[in-house]
């Protein structure tokens, strides 16, 4: 795993011991994370749908021009429709 001395998500250099992130279903190691990003993934239940909804809530476009054409784009409800 060649990600250098930085978190795989936020790219900040590690100030503390990095956390080893893994897929809880397969136990496959995904990368090294800082404490904050590791906790954030846990709080978002490692659920892509929840993570995408959080990005949508923040007004972030998840797909940039040039993304793979076969990328799955999930339609999300408008902010005021989310319970």
Protein backbone atom coordinates (compact mmCIF):
# COMPACT_ATOMS: atom_id res chain seq x y z
CA UNK A 1 0.00 0.00 0.00
CA UNK A 2 1.72 3.14 -1.21
CA UNK A 3 -0.13 6.09 0.25
CA UNK A 4 2.81 7.80 1.92
CA UNK A 5 2.63 9.40 5.33
CA UNK A 6 -0.88 10.84 4.93
CA UNK A 7 -4.49 9.84 5.53
CA UNK A 8 -6.13 8.14 2.53
CA UNK A 9 -9.19 10.41 2.86
CA UNK A 10 -8.16 13.91 4.00
CA UNK A 11 -4.51 13.63 2.86
CA UNK A 12 -3.24 15.29 6.08
CA UNK A 13 0.05 13.97 7.39
CA UNK A 14 -0.31 11.64 10.37
CA UNK A 15 0.20 13.37 13.71
CA UNK A 16 -0.69 10.23 15.66
CA UNK A 17 -0.49 6.55 14.89
CA UNK A 18 -2.57 5.91 11.76
CA UNK A 19 -5.62 3.67 11.97
CA UNK A 20 -5.80 0.64 9.70
CA UNK A 21 -9.12 0.82 7.87
CA UNK A 22 -10.73 -2.39 6.66
CA UNK A 23 -13.95 -3.60 5.07
CA UNK A 24 -16.01 -5.06 7.90
CA UNK A 25 -17.60 -7.65 5.61
CA UNK A 26 -14.45 -8.98 3.89
CA UNK A 27 -11.77 -7.88 6.40
CA UNK A 28 -9.80 -6.55 3.41
CA UNK A 29 -7.52 -3.64 4.37
CA UNK A 30 -8.49 -0.46 2.48
CA UNK A 31 -5.82 1.93 3.70
CA UNK A 32 -4.51 4.03 6.55
CA UNK A 33 -6.64 6.78 8.05
CA UNK A 34 -6.20 9.52 10.60
CA UNK A 35 -8.27 9.20 13.76
CA UNK A 36 -10.88 11.79 12.64
CA UNK A 37 -11.52 10.18 9.24
CA UNK A 38 -11.69 6.72 10.78
CA UNK A 39 -14.27 7.90 13.32
CA UNK A 40 -16.20 9.75 10.59
CA UNK A 41 -16.52 6.57 8.50
CA UNK A 42 -17.76 4.71 11.56
CA UNK A 43 -20.31 7.41 12.40
CA UNK A 44 -21.53 7.25 8.77
CA UNK A 45 -21.83 3.45 9.22
CA UNK A 46 -19.39 2.75 6.34
CA UNK A 47 -22.51 3.11 4.21
CA UNK A 48 -21.99 4.62 0.76
CA UNK A 49 -25.60 5.81 0.62
CA UNK A 50 -25.23 7.72 3.90
CA UNK A 51 -21.88 9.17 2.82
CA UNK A 52 -23.37 10.30 -0.51
CA UNK A 53 -26.35 11.82 1.30
CA UNK A 54 -23.96 13.73 3.60
CA UNK A 55 -22.05 15.04 0.58
CA UNK A 56 -25.34 16.04 -1.07
CA UNK A 57 -26.40 17.82 2.14
CA UNK A 58 -23.15 19.82 2.03
CA UNK A 59 -23.77 20.71 -1.60
CA UNK A 60 -20.87 18.65 -2.95
CA UNK A 61 -21.00 17.30 -6.51
CA UNK A 62 -19.73 13.74 -6.26
CA UNK A 63 -19.01 13.24 -9.95
CA UNK A 64 -16.60 15.48 -11.83
CA UNK A 65 -16.31 15.62 -15.60
CA UNK A 66 -14.18 12.71 -16.77
CA UNK A 67 -15.48 10.22 -14.23
CA UNK A 68 -16.06 6.74 -15.62
CA UNK A 69 -19.22 6.58 -17.70
CA UNK A 70 -20.28 3.38 -15.96
CA UNK A 71 -20.09 4.99 -12.51
CA UNK A 72 -23.30 4.48 -10.60
CA UNK A 73 -24.93 7.81 -9.82
CA UNK A 74 -27.54 7.57 -7.10
CA UNK A 75 -30.47 9.97 -7.18
CA UNK A 76 -30.81 11.57 -3.78
CA UNK A 77 -33.82 13.40 -2.36
CA UNK A 78 -33.75 17.18 -2.03
CA UNK A 79 -32.47 18.44 1.33
CA UNK A 80 -35.94 19.31 2.64
CA UNK A 81 -37.23 15.82 1.76
CA UNK A 82 -34.70 14.06 4.02
CA UNK A 83 -36.22 12.98 7.32
